[in-house]
Amino acid sequence: AYMKERKNIQLPGFRKGKATEGMIEKFY
């Protein structure tokens, strides 16, 4: 699911699509 959606997710300090699965889970 992460691989499918990562290109649409942007976190502060990361370019769009570059945040890791762990970072996204930590943030959201």
mmCIF file of all heavy atoms, coordinates in Angstrom:
data_MODEL
# 
_entry.id   MODEL 
# 
loop_
_atom_site.group_PDB 
_atom_site.id 
_atom_site.type_symbol 
_atom_site.label_atom_id 
_atom_site.label_alt_id 
_atom_site.label_comp_id 
_atom_site.label_asym_id 
_atom_site.label_entity_id 
_atom_site.label_seq_id 
_atom_site.pdbx_PDB_ins_code 
_atom_site.Cartn_x 
_atom_site.Cartn_y 
_atom_site.Cartn_z 
_atom_site.occupancy 
_atom_site.B_iso_or_equiv 
_atom_site.pdbx_formal_charge 
_atom_site.auth_seq_id 
_atom_site.auth_comp_id 
_atom_site.auth_asym_id 
_atom_site.auth_atom_id 
_atom_site.pdbx_PDB_model_num 
ATOM 1   N N   . ALA A 1 1  ? 0.837  -1.204 0.000  1.00 0.00 ? 1  ALA A N   1 
ATOM 2   C CA  . ALA A 1 1  ? 0.000  0.000  0.000  1.00 0.00 ? 1  ALA A CA  1 
ATOM 3   C C   . ALA A 1 1  ? 0.870  1.253  0.000  1.00 0.00 ? 1  ALA A C   1 
ATOM 4   O O   . ALA A 1 1  ? 0.573  2.229  -0.700 1.00 0.00 ? 1  ALA A O   1 
ATOM 5   C CB  . ALA A 1 1  ? -0.915 -0.010 1.222  1.00 0.00 ? 1  ALA A CB  1 
ATOM 6   N N   . TYR A 1 2  ? 1.964  1.208  0.764  1.00 0.00 ? 2  TYR A N   1 
ATOM 7   C CA  . TYR A 1 2  ? 2.902  2.336  0.800  1.00 0.00 ? 2  TYR A CA  1 
ATOM 8   C C   . TYR A 1 2  ? 3.517  2.559  -0.583 1.00 0.00 ? 2  TYR A C   1 
ATOM 9   O O   . TYR A 1 2  ? 3.579  3.697  -1.069 1.00 0.00 ? 2  TYR A O   1 
ATOM 10  C CB  . TYR A 1 2  ? 3.998  2.071  1.829  1.00 0.00 ? 2  TYR A CB  1 
ATOM 11  C CG  . TYR A 1 2  ? 5.288  2.830  1.570  1.00 0.00 ? 2  TYR A CG  1 
ATOM 12  C CD1 . TYR A 1 2  ? 5.354  4.212  1.772  1.00 0.00 ? 2  TYR A CD1 1 
ATOM 13  C CD2 . TYR A 1 2  ? 6.429  2.169  1.106  1.00 0.00 ? 2  TYR A CD2 1 
ATOM 14  C CE1 . TYR A 1 2  ? 6.523  4.916  1.507  1.00 0.00 ? 2  TYR A CE1 1 
ATOM 15  C CE2 . TYR A 1 2  ? 7.593  2.854  0.847  1.00 0.00 ? 2  TYR A CE2 1 
ATOM 16  C CZ  . TYR A 1 2  ? 7.645  4.225  1.040  1.00 0.00 ? 2  TYR A CZ  1 
ATOM 17  O OH  . TYR A 1 2  ? 8.802  4.920  0.777  1.00 0.00 ? 2  TYR A OH  1 
ATOM 18  N N   . MET A 1 3  ? 3.963  1.493  -1.235 1.00 0.00 ? 3  MET A N   1 
ATOM 19  C CA  . MET A 1 3  ? 4.596  1.610  -2.546 1.00 0.00 ? 3  MET A CA  1 
ATOM 20  C C   . MET A 1 3  ? 3.625  2.196  -3.573 1.00 0.00 ? 3  MET A C   1 
ATOM 21  O O   . MET A 1 3  ? 4.014  2.939  -4.473 1.00 0.00 ? 3  MET A O   1 
ATOM 22  C CB  . MET A 1 3  ? 5.075  0.229  -3.018 1.00 0.00 ? 3  MET A CB  1 
ATOM 23  C CG  . MET A 1 3  ? 6.180  -0.376 -2.155 1.00 0.00 ? 3  MET A CG  1 
ATOM 24  S SD  . MET A 1 3  ? 7.707  0.612  -2.164 1.00 0.00 ? 3  MET A SD  1 
ATOM 25  C CE  . MET A 1 3  ? 8.258  0.337  -3.841 1.00 0.00 ? 3  MET A CE  1 
ATOM 26  N N   . LYS A 1 4  ? 2.361  1.855  -3.408 1.00 0.00 ? 4  LYS A N   1 
ATOM 27  C CA  . LYS A 1 4  ? 1.351  2.343  -4.340 1.00 0.00 ? 4  LYS A CA  1 
ATOM 28  C C   . LYS A 1 4  ? 1.039  3.826  -4.133 1.00 0.00 ? 4  LYS A C   1 
ATOM 29  O O   . LYS A 1 4  ? 0.791  4.567  -5.090 1.00 0.00 ? 4  LYS A O   1 
ATOM 30  C CB  . LYS A 1 4  ? 0.077  1.508  -4.170 1.00 0.00 ? 4  LYS A CB  1 
ATOM 31  C CG  . LYS A 1 4  ? -1.036 1.858  -5.137 1.00 0.00 ? 4  LYS A CG  1 
ATOM 32  C CD  . LYS A 1 4  ? -2.260 0.974  -4.892 1.00 0.00 ? 4  LYS A CD  1 
ATOM 33  C CE  . LYS A 1 4  ? -3.403 1.364  -5.806 1.00 0.00 ? 4  LYS A CE  1 
ATOM 34  N NZ  . LYS A 1 4  ? -4.620 0.531  -5.573 1.00 0.00 ? 4  LYS A NZ  1 
ATOM 35  N N   . GLU A 1 5  ? 1.100  4.287  -2.866 1.00 0.00 ? 5  GLU A N   1 
ATOM 36  C CA  . GLU A 1 5  ? 0.667  5.649  -2.543 1.00 0.00 ? 5  GLU A CA  1 
ATOM 37  C C   . GLU A 1 5  ? 1.801  6.643  -2.318 1.00 0.00 ? 5  GLU A C   1 
ATOM 38  O O   . GLU A 1 5  ? 1.558  7.850  -2.250 1.00 0.00 ? 5  GLU A O   1 
ATOM 39  C CB  . GLU A 1 5  ? -0.225 5.624  -1.292 1.00 0.00 ? 5  GLU A CB  1 
ATOM 40  C CG  . GLU A 1 5  ? -1.523 4.865  -1.455 1.00 0.00 ? 5  GLU A CG  1 
ATOM 41  C CD  . GLU A 1 5  ? -2.439 5.518  -2.472 1.00 0.00 ? 5  GLU A CD  1 
ATOM 42  O OE1 . GLU A 1 5  ? -2.405 6.762  -2.598 1.00 0.00 ? 5  GLU A OE1 1 
ATOM 43  O OE2 . GLU A 1 5  ? -3.189 4.789  -3.147 1.00 0.00 ? 5  GLU A OE2 1 
ATOM 44  N N   . ARG A 1 6  ? 3.029  6.179  -2.209 1.00 0.00 ? 6  ARG A N   1 
ATOM 45  C CA  . ARG A 1 6  ? 4.102  7.088  -1.781 1.00 0.00 ? 6  ARG A CA  1 
ATOM 46  C C   . ARG A 1 6  ? 4.312  8.263  -2.721 1.00 0.00 ? 6  ARG A C   1 
ATOM 47  O O   . ARG A 1 6  ? 4.694  9.364  -2.280 1.00 0.00 ? 6  ARG A O   1 
ATOM 48  C CB  . ARG A 1 6  ? 5.412  6.319  -1.619 1.00 0.00 ? 6  ARG A CB  1 
ATOM 49  C CG  . ARG A 1 6  ? 5.999  5.745  -2.899 1.00 0.00 ? 6  ARG A CG  1 
ATOM 50  C CD  . ARG A 1 6  ? 7.343  5.106  -2.656 1.00 0.00 ? 6  ARG A CD  1 
ATOM 51  N NE  . ARG A 1 6  ? 7.902  4.545  -3.885 1.00 0.00 ? 6  ARG A NE  1 
ATOM 52  C CZ  . ARG A 1 6  ? 9.101  3.997  -3.961 1.00 0.00 ? 6  ARG A CZ  1 
ATOM 53  N NH1 . ARG A 1 6  ? 9.867  3.930  -2.877 1.00 0.00 ? 6  ARG A NH1 1 
ATOM 54  N NH2 . ARG A 1 6  ? 9.543  3.511  -5.104 1.00 0.00 ? 6  ARG A NH2 1 
ATOM 55  N N   . LYS A 1 7  ? 4.080  8.058  -4.009 1.00 0.00 ? 7  LYS A N   1 
ATOM 56  C CA  . LYS A 1 7  ? 4.305  9.150  -4.964 1.00 0.00 ? 7  LYS A CA  1 
ATOM 57  C C   . LYS A 1 7  ? 3.347  10.325 -4.734 1.00 0.00 ? 7  LYS A C   1 
ATOM 58  O O   . LYS A 1 7  ? 3.573  11.443 -5.219 1.00 0.00 ? 7  LYS A O   1 
ATOM 59  C CB  . LYS A 1 7  ? 4.170  8.640  -6.402 1.00 0.00 ? 7  LYS A CB  1 
ATOM 60  C CG  . LYS A 1 7  ? 2.811  8.104  -6.765 1.00 0.00 ? 7  LYS A CG  1 
ATOM 61  C CD  . LYS A 1 7  ? 2.804  7.601  -8.210 1.00 0.00 ? 7  LYS A CD  1 
ATOM 62  C CE  . LYS A 1 7  ? 1.447  7.012  -8.598 1.00 0.00 ? 7  LYS A CE  1 
ATOM 63  N NZ  . LYS A 1 7  ? 1.118  5.805  -7.841 1.00 0.00 ? 7  LYS A NZ  1 
ATOM 64  N N   . ASN A 1 8  ? 2.270  10.066 -3.994 1.00 0.00 ? 8  ASN A N   1 
ATOM 65  C CA  . ASN A 1 8  ? 1.285  11.120 -3.735 1.00 0.00 ? 8  ASN A CA  1 
ATOM 66  C C   . ASN A 1 8  ? 1.460  11.773 -2.361 1.00 0.00 ? 8  ASN A C   1 
ATOM 67  O O   . ASN A 1 8  ? 0.697  12.671 -2.012 1.00 0.00 ? 8  ASN A O   1 
ATOM 68  C CB  . ASN A 1 8  ? -0.132 10.542 -3.824 1.00 0.00 ? 8  ASN A CB  1 
ATOM 69  C CG  . ASN A 1 8  ? -0.419 9.914  -5.174 1.00 0.00 ? 8  ASN A CG  1 
ATOM 70  O OD1 . ASN A 1 8  ? -0.062 10.492 -6.200 1.00 0.00 ? 8  ASN A OD1 1 
ATOM 71  N ND2 . ASN A 1 8  ? -1.052 8.745  -5.174 1.00 0.00 ? 8  ASN A ND2 1 
ATOM 72  N N   . ILE A 1 9  ? 2.456  11.290 -1.572 1.00 0.00 ? 9  ILE A N   1 
ATOM 73  C CA  . ILE A 1 9  ? 2.599  11.760 -0.186 1.00 0.00 ? 9  ILE A CA  1 
ATOM 74  C C   . ILE A 1 9  ? 3.842  12.632 -0.046 1.00 0.00 ? 9  ILE A C   1 
ATOM 75  O O   . ILE A 1 9  ? 4.930  12.278 -0.511 1.00 0.00 ? 9  ILE A O   1 
ATOM 76  C CB  . ILE A 1 9  ? 2.687  10.567 0.792  1.00 0.00 ? 9  ILE A CB  1 
ATOM 77  C CG1 . ILE A 1 9  ? 1.409  9.716  0.691  1.00 0.00 ? 9  ILE A CG1 1 
ATOM 78  C CG2 . ILE A 1 9  ? 2.895  11.055 2.223  1.00 0.00 ? 9  ILE A CG2 1 
ATOM 79  C CD1 . ILE A 1 9  ? 1.461  8.452  1.509  1.00 0.00 ? 9  ILE A CD1 1 
ATOM 80  N N   . GLN A 1 10 ? 3.647  13.768 0.575  1.00 0.00 ? 10 GLN A N   1 
ATOM 81  C CA  . GLN A 1 10 ? 4.784  14.663 0.824  1.00 0.00 ? 10 GLN A CA  1 
ATOM 82  C C   . GLN A 1 10 ? 4.816  15.036 2.305  1.00 0.00 ? 10 GLN A C   1 
ATOM 83  O O   . GLN A 1 10 ? 3.810  15.465 2.882  1.00 0.00 ? 10 GLN A O   1 
ATOM 84  C CB  . GLN A 1 10 ? 4.659  15.934 -0.023 1.00 0.00 ? 10 GLN A CB  1 
ATOM 85  C CG  . GLN A 1 10 ? 5.858  16.861 0.123  1.00 0.00 ? 10 GLN A CG  1 
ATOM 86  C CD  . GLN A 1 10 ? 5.796  18.023 -0.855 1.00 0.00 ? 10 GLN A CD  1 
ATOM 87  O OE1 . GLN A 1 10 ? 4.782  18.245 -1.502 1.00 0.00 ? 10 GLN A OE1 1 
ATOM 88  N NE2 . GLN A 1 10 ? 6.889  18.755 -0.963 1.00 0.00 ? 10 GLN A NE2 1 
ATOM 89  N N   . LEU A 1 11 ? 5.990  14.841 2.944  1.00 0.00 ? 11 LEU A N   1 
ATOM 90  C CA  . LEU A 1 11 ? 6.184  15.224 4.339  1.00 0.00 ? 11 LEU A CA  1 
ATOM 91  C C   . LEU A 1 11 ? 7.089  16.448 4.410  1.00 0.00 ? 11 LEU A C   1 
ATOM 92  O O   . LEU A 1 11 ? 7.930  16.671 3.520  1.00 0.00 ? 11 LEU A O   1 
ATOM 93  C CB  . LEU A 1 11 ? 6.839  14.074 5.113  1.00 0.00 ? 11 LEU A CB  1 
ATOM 94  C CG  . LEU A 1 11 ? 6.043  12.777 5.280  1.00 0.00 ? 11 LEU A CG  1 
ATOM 95  C CD1 . LEU A 1 11 ? 6.832  11.815 6.154  1.00 0.00 ? 11 LEU A CD1 1 
ATOM 96  C CD2 . LEU A 1 11 ? 4.680  13.036 5.887  1.00 0.00 ? 11 LEU A CD2 1 
ATOM 97  N N   . PRO A 1 12 ? 6.928  17.242 5.448  1.00 0.00 ? 12 PRO A N   1 
ATOM 98  C CA  . PRO A 1 12 ? 7.829  18.395 5.620  1.00 0.00 ? 12 PRO A CA  1 
ATOM 99  C C   . PRO A 1 12 ? 9.288  17.925 5.638  1.00 0.00 ? 12 PRO A C   1 
ATOM 100 O O   . PRO A 1 12 ? 9.658  16.979 6.344  1.00 0.00 ? 12 PRO A O   1 
ATOM 101 C CB  . PRO A 1 12 ? 7.417  18.969 6.982  1.00 0.00 ? 12 PRO A CB  1 
ATOM 102 C CG  . PRO A 1 12 ? 6.000  18.513 7.167  1.00 0.00 ? 12 PRO A CG  1 
ATOM 103 C CD  . PRO A 1 12 ? 5.914  17.178 6.529  1.00 0.00 ? 12 PRO A CD  1 
ATOM 104 N N   . GLY A 1 13 ? 10.121 18.564 4.807  1.00 0.00 ? 13 GLY A N   1 
ATOM 105 C CA  . GLY A 1 13 ? 11.542 18.224 4.761  1.00 0.00 ? 13 GLY A CA  1 
ATOM 106 C C   . GLY A 1 13 ? 11.866 17.133 3.755  1.00 0.00 ? 13 GLY A C   1 
ATOM 107 O O   . GLY A 1 13 ? 13.044 16.779 3.575  1.00 0.00 ? 13 GLY A O   1 
ATOM 108 N N   . PHE A 1 14 ? 10.855 16.548 3.108  1.00 0.00 ? 14 PHE A N   1 
ATOM 109 C CA  . PHE A 1 14 ? 11.069 15.508 2.106  1.00 0.00 ? 14 PHE A CA  1 
ATOM 110 C C   . PHE A 1 14 ? 10.453 15.935 0.776  1.00 0.00 ? 14 PHE A C   1 
ATOM 111 O O   . PHE A 1 14 ? 9.392  16.581 0.752  1.00 0.00 ? 14 PHE A O   1 
ATOM 112 C CB  . PHE A 1 14 ? 10.424 14.183 2.538  1.00 0.00 ? 14 PHE A CB  1 
ATOM 113 C CG  . PHE A 1 14 ? 11.087 13.531 3.711  1.00 0.00 ? 14 PHE A CG  1 
ATOM 114 C CD1 . PHE A 1 14 ? 10.719 13.880 5.013  1.00 0.00 ? 14 PHE A CD1 1 
ATOM 115 C CD2 . PHE A 1 14 ? 12.077 12.566 3.519  1.00 0.00 ? 14 PHE A CD2 1 
ATOM 116 C CE1 . PHE A 1 14 ? 11.315 13.273 6.097  1.00 0.00 ? 14 PHE A CE1 1 
ATOM 117 C CE2 . PHE A 1 14 ? 12.677 11.960 4.609  1.00 0.00 ? 14 PHE A CE2 1 
ATOM 118 C CZ  . PHE A 1 14 ? 12.309 12.314 5.899  1.00 0.00 ? 14 PHE A CZ  1 
ATOM 119 N N   . ARG A 1 15 ? 11.135 15.576 -0.312 1.00 0.00 ? 15 ARG A N   1 
ATOM 120 C CA  . ARG A 1 15 ? 10.527 15.779 -1.617 1.00 0.00 ? 15 ARG A CA  1 
ATOM 121 C C   . ARG A 1 15 ? 9.366  14.800 -1.780 1.00 0.00 ? 15 ARG A C   1 
ATOM 122 O O   . ARG A 1 15 ? 9.387  13.717 -1.198 1.00 0.00 ? 15 ARG A O   1 
ATOM 123 C CB  . ARG A 1 15 ? 11.553 15.570 -2.736 1.00 0.00 ? 15 ARG A CB  1 
ATOM 124 C CG  . ARG A 1 15 ? 12.485 16.787 -2.909 1.00 0.00 ? 15 ARG A CG  1 
ATOM 125 C CD  . ARG A 1 15 ? 13.404 16.611 -4.088 1.00 0.00 ? 15 ARG A CD  1 
ATOM 126 N NE  . ARG A 1 15 ? 14.329 15.486 -3.881 1.00 0.00 ? 15 ARG A NE  1 
ATOM 127 C CZ  . ARG A 1 15 ? 14.675 14.631 -4.810 1.00 0.00 ? 15 ARG A CZ  1 
ATOM 128 N NH1 . ARG A 1 15 ? 14.160 14.721 -6.026 1.00 0.00 ? 15 ARG A NH1 1 
ATOM 129 N NH2 . ARG A 1 15 ? 15.529 13.652 -4.559 1.00 0.00 ? 15 ARG A NH2 1 
ATOM 130 N N   . LYS A 1 16 ? 8.390  15.174 -2.596 1.00 0.00 ? 16 LYS A N   1 
ATOM 131 C CA  . LYS A 1 16 ? 7.213  14.346 -2.800 1.00 0.00 ? 16 LYS A CA  1 
ATOM 132 C C   . LYS A 1 16 ? 7.623  12.962 -3.300 1.00 0.00 ? 16 LYS A C   1 
ATOM 133 O O   . LYS A 1 16 ? 8.382  12.826 -4.263 1.00 0.00 ? 16 LYS A O   1 
ATOM 134 C CB  . LYS A 1 16 ? 6.268  14.991 -3.818 1.00 0.00 ? 16 LYS A CB  1 
ATOM 135 C CG  . LYS A 1 16 ? 4.867  14.407 -3.812 1.00 0.00 ? 16 LYS A CG  1 
ATOM 136 C CD  . LYS A 1 16 ? 3.939  15.237 -4.689 1.00 0.00 ? 16 LYS A CD  1 
ATOM 137 C CE  . LYS A 1 16 ? 2.510  14.744 -4.590 1.00 0.00 ? 16 LYS A CE  1 
ATOM 138 N NZ  . LYS A 1 16 ? 1.576  15.537 -5.398 1.00 0.00 ? 16 LYS A NZ  1 
ATOM 139 N N   . GLY A 1 17 ? 7.121  11.919 -2.623 1.00 0.00 ? 17 GLY A N   1 
ATOM 140 C CA  . GLY A 1 17 ? 7.413  10.547 -3.036 1.00 0.00 ? 17 GLY A CA  1 
ATOM 141 C C   . GLY A 1 17 ? 8.695  9.983  -2.454 1.00 0.00 ? 17 GLY A C   1 
ATOM 142 O O   . GLY A 1 17 ? 9.037  8.829  -2.736 1.00 0.00 ? 17 GLY A O   1 
ATOM 143 N N   . LYS A 1 18 ? 9.433  10.754 -1.651 1.00 0.00 ? 18 LYS A N   1 
ATOM 144 C CA  . LYS A 1 18 ? 10.729 10.291 -1.138 1.00 0.00 ? 18 LYS A CA  1 
ATOM 145 C C   . LYS A 1 18 ? 10.689 9.856  0.328  1.00 0.00 ? 18 LYS A C   1 
ATOM 146 O O   . LYS A 1 18 ? 11.662 9.283  0.823  1.00 0.00 ? 18 LYS A O   1 
ATOM 147 C CB  . LYS A 1 18 ? 11.781 11.386 -1.318 1.00 0.00 ? 18 LYS A CB  1 
ATOM 148 C CG  . LYS A 1 18 ? 12.080 11.727 -2.773 1.00 0.00 ? 18 LYS A CG  1 
ATOM 149 C CD  . LYS A 1 18 ? 12.618 10.512 -3.530 1.00 0.00 ? 18 LYS A CD  1 
ATOM 150 C CE  . LYS A 1 18 ? 12.940 10.855 -4.978 1.00 0.00 ? 18 LYS A CE  1 
ATOM 151 N NZ  . LYS A 1 18 ? 13.452 9.672  -5.705 1.00 0.00 ? 18 LYS A NZ  1 
ATOM 152 N N   . ALA A 1 19 ? 9.597  10.125 1.031  1.00 0.00 ? 19 ALA A N   1 
ATOM 153 C CA  . ALA A 1 19 ? 9.521  9.749  2.449  1.00 0.00 ? 19 ALA A CA  1 
ATOM 154 C C   . ALA A 1 19 ? 9.405  8.239  2.586  1.00 0.00 ? 19 ALA A C   1 
ATOM 155 O O   . ALA A 1 19 ? 8.724  7.581  1.806  1.00 0.00 ? 19 ALA A O   1 
ATOM 156 C CB  . ALA A 1 19 ? 8.320  10.430 3.107  1.00 0.00 ? 19 ALA A CB  1 
ATOM 157 N N   . THR A 1 20 ? 10.054 7.665  3.584  1.00 0.00 ? 20 THR A N   1 
ATOM 158 C CA  . THR A 1 20 ? 10.014 6.218  3.805  1.00 0.00 ? 20 THR A CA  1 
ATOM 159 C C   . THR A 1 20 ? 8.687  5.819  4.439  1.00 0.00 ? 20 THR A C   1 
ATOM 160 O O   . THR A 1 20 ? 7.956  6.663  4.985  1.00 0.00 ? 20 THR A O   1 
ATOM 161 C CB  . THR A 1 20 ? 11.157 5.774  4.724  1.00 0.00 ? 20 THR A CB  1 
ATOM 162 O OG1 . THR A 1 20 ? 10.938 6.347  6.020  1.00 0.00 ? 20 THR A OG1 1 
ATOM 163 C CG2 . THR A 1 20 ? 12.510 6.197  4.175  1.00 0.00 ? 20 THR A CG2 1 
ATOM 164 N N   . GLU A 1 21 ? 8.413  4.522  4.410  1.00 0.00 ? 21 GLU A N   1 
ATOM 165 C CA  . GLU A 1 21 ? 7.192  4.007  5.012  1.00 0.00 ? 21 GLU A CA  1 
ATOM 166 C C   . GLU A 1 21 ? 7.159  4.325  6.506  1.00 0.00 ? 21 GLU A C   1 
ATOM 167 O O   . GLU A 1 21 ? 6.125  4.771  7.032  1.00 0.00 ? 21 GLU A O   1 
ATOM 168 C CB  . GLU A 1 21 ? 7.110  2.481  4.793  1.00 0.00 ? 21 GLU A CB  1 
ATOM 169 C CG  . GLU A 1 21 ? 5.851  1.840  5.363  1.00 0.00 ? 21 GLU A CG  1 
ATOM 170 C CD  . GLU A 1 21 ? 5.811  0.337  5.140  1.00 0.00 ? 21 GLU A CD  1 
ATOM 171 O OE1 . GLU A 1 21 ? 6.691  -0.202 4.411  1.00 0.00 ? 21 GLU A OE1 1 
ATOM 172 O OE2 . GLU A 1 21 ? 4.910  -0.320 5.697  1.00 0.00 ? 21 GLU A OE2 1 
ATOM 173 N N   . GLY A 1 22 ? 8.316  4.131  7.168  1.00 0.00 ? 22 GLY A N   1 
ATOM 174 C CA  . GLY A 1 22 ? 8.380  4.386  8.599  1.00 0.00 ? 22 GLY A CA  1 
ATOM 175 C C   . GLY A 1 22 ? 8.131  5.839  8.942  1.00 0.00 ? 22 GLY A C   1 
ATOM 176 O O   . GLY A 1 22 ? 7.438  6.150  9.917  1.00 0.00 ? 22 GLY A O   1 
ATOM 177 N N   . MET A 1 23 ? 8.696  6.764  8.151  1.00 0.00 ? 23 MET A N   1 
ATOM 178 C CA  . MET A 1 23 ? 8.521  8.202  8.408  1.00 0.00 ? 23 MET A CA  1 
ATOM 179 C C   . MET A 1 23 ? 7.057  8.608  8.240  1.00 0.00 ? 23 MET A C   1 
ATOM 180 O O   . MET A 1 23 ? 6.525  9.392  9.030  1.00 0.00 ? 23 MET A O   1 
ATOM 181 C CB  . MET A 1 23 ? 9.407  9.010  7.462  1.00 0.00 ? 23 MET A CB  1 
ATOM 182 C CG  . MET A 1 23 ? 10.895 8.887  7.741  1.00 0.00 ? 23 MET A CG  1 
ATOM 183 S SD  . MET A 1 23 ? 11.338 9.447  9.404  1.00 0.00 ? 23 MET A SD  1 
ATOM 184 C CE  . MET A 1 23 ? 10.870 11.166 9.337  1.00 0.00 ? 23 MET A CE  1 
ATOM 185 N N   . ILE A 1 24 ? 6.420  8.065  7.219  1.00 0.00 ? 24 ILE A N   1 
ATOM 186 C CA  . ILE A 1 24 ? 5.012  8.394  6.977  1.00 0.00 ? 24 ILE A CA  1 
ATOM 187 C C   . ILE A 1 24 ? 4.142  7.877  8.118  1.00 0.00 ? 24 ILE A C   1 
ATOM 188 O O   . ILE A 1 24 ? 3.244  8.573  8.608  1.00 0.00 ? 24 ILE A O   1 
ATOM 189 C CB  . ILE A 1 24 ? 4.548  7.808  5.625  1.00 0.00 ? 24 ILE A CB  1 
ATOM 190 C CG1 . ILE A 1 24 ? 5.308  8.474  4.466  1.00 0.00 ? 24 ILE A CG1 1 
ATOM 191 C CG2 . ILE A 1 24 ? 3.044  7.999  5.443  1.00 0.00 ? 24 ILE A CG2 1 
ATOM 192 C CD1 . ILE A 1 24 ? 5.090  7.817  3.126  1.00 0.00 ? 24 ILE A CD1 1 
ATOM 193 N N   . GLU A 1 25 ? 4.440  6.656  8.585  1.00 0.00 ? 25 GLU A N   1 
ATOM 194 C CA  . GLU A 1 25 ? 3.669  6.085  9.692  1.00 0.00 ? 25 GLU A CA  1 
ATOM 195 C C   . GLU A 1 25 ? 3.905  6.875  10.978 1.00 0.00 ? 25 GLU A C   1 
ATOM 196 O O   . GLU A 1 25 ? 2.974  7.057  11.783 1.00 0.00 ? 25 GLU A O   1 
ATOM 197 C CB  . GLU A 1 25 ? 4.059  4.619  9.897  1.00 0.00 ? 25 GLU A CB  1 
ATOM 198 C CG  . GLU A 1 25 ? 3.547  3.700  8.796  1.00 0.00 ? 25 GLU A CG  1 
ATOM 199 C CD  . GLU A 1 25 ? 4.006  2.266  8.980  1.00 0.00 ? 25 GLU A CD  1 
ATOM 200 O OE1 . GLU A 1 25 ? 4.994  2.033  9.708  1.00 0.00 ? 25 GLU A OE1 1 
ATOM 201 O OE2 . GLU A 1 25 ? 3.382  1.370  8.381  1.00 0.00 ? 25 GLU A OE2 1 
ATOM 202 N N   . LYS A 1 26 ? 5.124  7.363  11.146 1.00 0.00 ? 26 LYS A N   1 
ATOM 203 C CA  . LYS A 1 26 ? 5.425  8.151  12.348 1.00 0.00 ? 26 LYS A CA  1 
ATOM 204 C C   . LYS A 1 26 ? 4.680  9.475  12.331 1.00 0.00 ? 26 LYS A C   1 
ATOM 205 O O   . LYS A 1 26 ? 4.196  9.957  13.359 1.00 0.00 ? 26 LYS A O   1 
ATOM 206 C CB  . LYS A 1 26 ? 6.938  8.400  12.427 1.00 0.00 ? 26 LYS A CB  1 
ATOM 207 C CG  . LYS A 1 26 ? 7.381  9.050  13.729 1.00 0.00 ? 26 LYS A CG  1 
ATOM 208 C CD  . LYS A 1 26 ? 8.886  9.154  13.787 1.00 0.00 ? 26 LYS A CD  1 
ATOM 209 C CE  . LYS A 1 26 ? 9.351  9.786  15.101 1.00 0.00 ? 26 LYS A CE  1 
ATOM 210 N NZ  . LYS A 1 26 ? 10.815 9.900  15.177 1.00 0.00 ? 26 LYS A NZ  1 
ATOM 211 N N   . PHE A 1 27 ? 4.564  10.038 11.125 1.00 0.00 ? 27 PHE A N   1 
ATOM 212 C CA  . PHE A 1 27 ? 3.925  11.355 10.982 1.00 0.00 ? 27 PHE A CA  1 
ATOM 213 C C   . PHE A 1 27 ? 2.398  11.237 11.079 1.00 0.00 ? 27 PHE A C   1 
ATOM 214 O O   . PHE A 1 27 ? 1.744  12.038 11.760 1.00 0.00 ? 27 PHE A O   1 
ATOM 215 C CB  . PHE A 1 27 ? 4.329  11.973 9.647  1.00 0.00 ? 27 PHE A CB  1 
ATOM 216 C CG  . PHE A 1 27 ? 3.911  13.408 9.489  1.00 0.00 ? 27 PHE A CG  1 
ATOM 217 C CD1 . PHE A 1 27 ? 4.694  14.438 9.996  1.00 0.00 ? 27 PHE A CD1 1 
ATOM 218 C CD2 . PHE A 1 27 ? 2.724  13.737 8.838  1.00 0.00 ? 27 PHE A CD2 1 
ATOM 219 C CE1 . PHE A 1 27 ? 4.308  15.765 9.855  1.00 0.00 ? 27 PHE A CE1 1 
ATOM 220 C CE2 . PHE A 1 27 ? 2.338  15.059 8.697  1.00 0.00 ? 27 PHE A CE2 1 
ATOM 221 C CZ  . PHE A 1 27 ? 3.135  16.072 9.201  1.00 0.00 ? 27 PHE A CZ  1 
ATOM 222 N N   . TYR A 1 28 ? 1.816  10.246 10.384 1.00 0.00 ? 28 TYR A N   1 
ATOM 223 C CA  . TYR A 1 28 ? 0.354  10.124 10.306 1.00 0.00 ? 28 TYR A CA  1 
ATOM 224 C C   . TYR A 1 28 ? -0.230 9.075  11.259 1.00 0.00 ? 28 TYR A C   1 
ATOM 225 O O   . TYR A 1 28 ? -1.441 9.000  11.437 1.00 0.00 ? 28 TYR A O   1 
ATOM 226 C CB  . TYR A 1 28 ? -0.068 9.760  8.879  1.00 0.00 ? 28 TYR A CB  1 
ATOM 227 C CG  . TYR A 1 28 ? 0.075  10.893 7.892  1.00 0.00 ? 28 TYR A CG  1 
ATOM 228 C CD1 . TYR A 1 28 ? 1.084  10.885 6.943  1.00 0.00 ? 28 TYR A CD1 1 
ATOM 229 C CD2 . TYR A 1 28 ? -0.816 11.965 7.902  1.00 0.00 ? 28 TYR A CD2 1 
ATOM 230 C CE1 . TYR A 1 28 ? 1.221  11.916 6.023  1.00 0.00 ? 28 TYR A CE1 1 
ATOM 231 C CE2 . TYR A 1 28 ? -0.693 13.006 6.991  1.00 0.00 ? 28 TYR A CE2 1 
ATOM 232 C CZ  . TYR A 1 28 ? 0.329  12.972 6.058  1.00 0.00 ? 28 TYR A CZ  1 
ATOM 233 O OH  . TYR A 1 28 ? 0.453  14.001 5.148  1.00 0.00 ? 28 TYR A OH  1 
# 
